[in-house]
Each structure stands twice: as structure tokens, then as C-alpha cells.
Amino acid sequence: MRWLPKGYGGERRSAEEVKREGWREQGLLVVSPTDPRLTWPERELVRQLGEKLYGGRRLPTEQQHG
């Protein structure tokens, strides 16, 4: 019998499962401002919150250099 620590081996959880568990267990919310399940005002609110808390998003070329 092989024993592995939690999170090693077995099936990998989907990103949606991780996000759902993070919200339910720790109150952490991970939301993309481009999530198609959101209405435009909701996506705009997510974008504004992200900019307020963490600053503006970088363009892909800025991420490579910065």
C-alpha cells in the first residue's frame, strides 16, 4: 500500500472546484472580469475592484519585460 500526502496522486481538481471550495471554506473569491456568466455591470465591478485593490492590469508585453 502506498500512502501519499493530501493533494498528491489521484485525480486533479478542476479550477472551478478549487475556486468553489476557496469561497465556501475560506471566503476567498476568484473571478475573471471576462467570465461569460457575469453581466456587463458585474464584469465592470470585478474590473474596478481589481484595479482598486491591486492596480491596473499589465499588457502581455509588459509582463515579459517587467
Protein backbone atom coordinates (compact mmCIF):
# COMPACT_ATOMS: atom_id res chain seq x y z
CA MET A 1 0.00 0.00 0.00
CA ARG A 2 1.30 3.43 -0.93
CA TRP A 3 0.46 6.45 1.19
CA LEU A 4 0.63 9.93 -0.33
CA PRO A 5 0.02 13.29 1.36
CA LYS A 6 -3.27 15.03 0.59
CA GLY A 7 -3.12 16.64 -2.83
CA TYR A 8 -0.65 14.16 -4.28
CA GLY A 9 -1.75 11.38 -6.57
CA GLY A 10 -5.30 10.60 -7.53
CA GLU A 11 -7.34 12.92 -9.71
CA ARG A 12 -6.61 16.60 -10.03
CA ARG A 13 -9.40 19.01 -9.08
CA SER A 14 -10.64 21.38 -11.75
CA ALA A 15 -10.00 25.09 -11.39
CA GLU A 16 -13.72 25.63 -10.81
CA GLU A 17 -13.69 23.13 -7.92
CA VAL A 18 -10.73 24.91 -6.33
CA LYS A 19 -12.46 28.29 -6.67
CA ARG A 20 -15.74 26.93 -5.28
CA GLU A 21 -14.02 25.35 -2.27
CA GLY A 22 -11.99 28.52 -1.66
CA TRP A 23 -15.19 30.54 -1.49
CA ARG A 24 -17.12 28.08 0.67
CA GLU A 25 -14.32 27.23 3.09
CA GLN A 26 -12.29 30.45 3.33
CA GLY A 27 -14.40 33.22 1.86
CA LEU A 28 -11.93 33.77 -0.98
CA LEU A 29 -13.39 34.78 -4.32
CA VAL A 30 -11.56 34.24 -7.60
CA VAL A 31 -13.37 35.88 -10.51
CA SER A 32 -12.25 36.72 -14.01
CA PRO A 33 -13.51 40.05 -15.35
CA THR A 34 -14.20 38.20 -18.61
CA ASP A 35 -16.33 35.41 -17.09
CA PRO A 36 -19.26 34.98 -19.51
CA ARG A 37 -21.60 34.02 -16.63
CA LEU A 38 -21.49 37.63 -15.42
CA THR A 39 -23.46 40.54 -16.82
CA TRP A 40 -21.60 43.60 -18.09
CA PRO A 41 -22.17 45.59 -14.86
CA GLU A 42 -20.88 42.63 -12.81
CA ARG A 43 -17.76 42.28 -15.00
CA GLU A 44 -17.16 46.03 -14.71
CA LEU A 45 -17.46 45.84 -10.91
CA VAL A 46 -14.92 43.00 -10.81
CA ARG A 47 -12.55 45.02 -13.01
CA GLN A 48 -12.91 48.12 -10.82
CA LEU A 49 -12.36 46.14 -7.61
CA GLY A 50 -9.26 44.50 -9.05
CA GLU A 51 -7.81 47.86 -10.08
CA LYS A 52 -8.63 49.42 -6.71
CA LEU A 53 -7.04 46.59 -4.72
CA TYR A 54 -4.14 45.61 -6.97
CA GLY A 55 -3.64 48.35 -9.57
CA GLY A 56 -4.10 48.23 -13.31
CA ARG A 57 -3.52 45.10 -15.36
CA ARG A 58 -0.36 44.76 -17.40
CA LEU A 59 -0.41 44.07 -21.09
CA PRO A 60 1.22 40.77 -22.15
CA THR A 61 4.30 42.61 -23.49
CA GLU A 62 4.73 44.42 -20.16
CA GLN A 63 4.64 41.13 -18.24
CA GLN A 64 7.50 39.72 -20.30
CA HIS A 65 9.71 42.72 -19.57
CA GLY A 66 8.59 43.73 -16.14
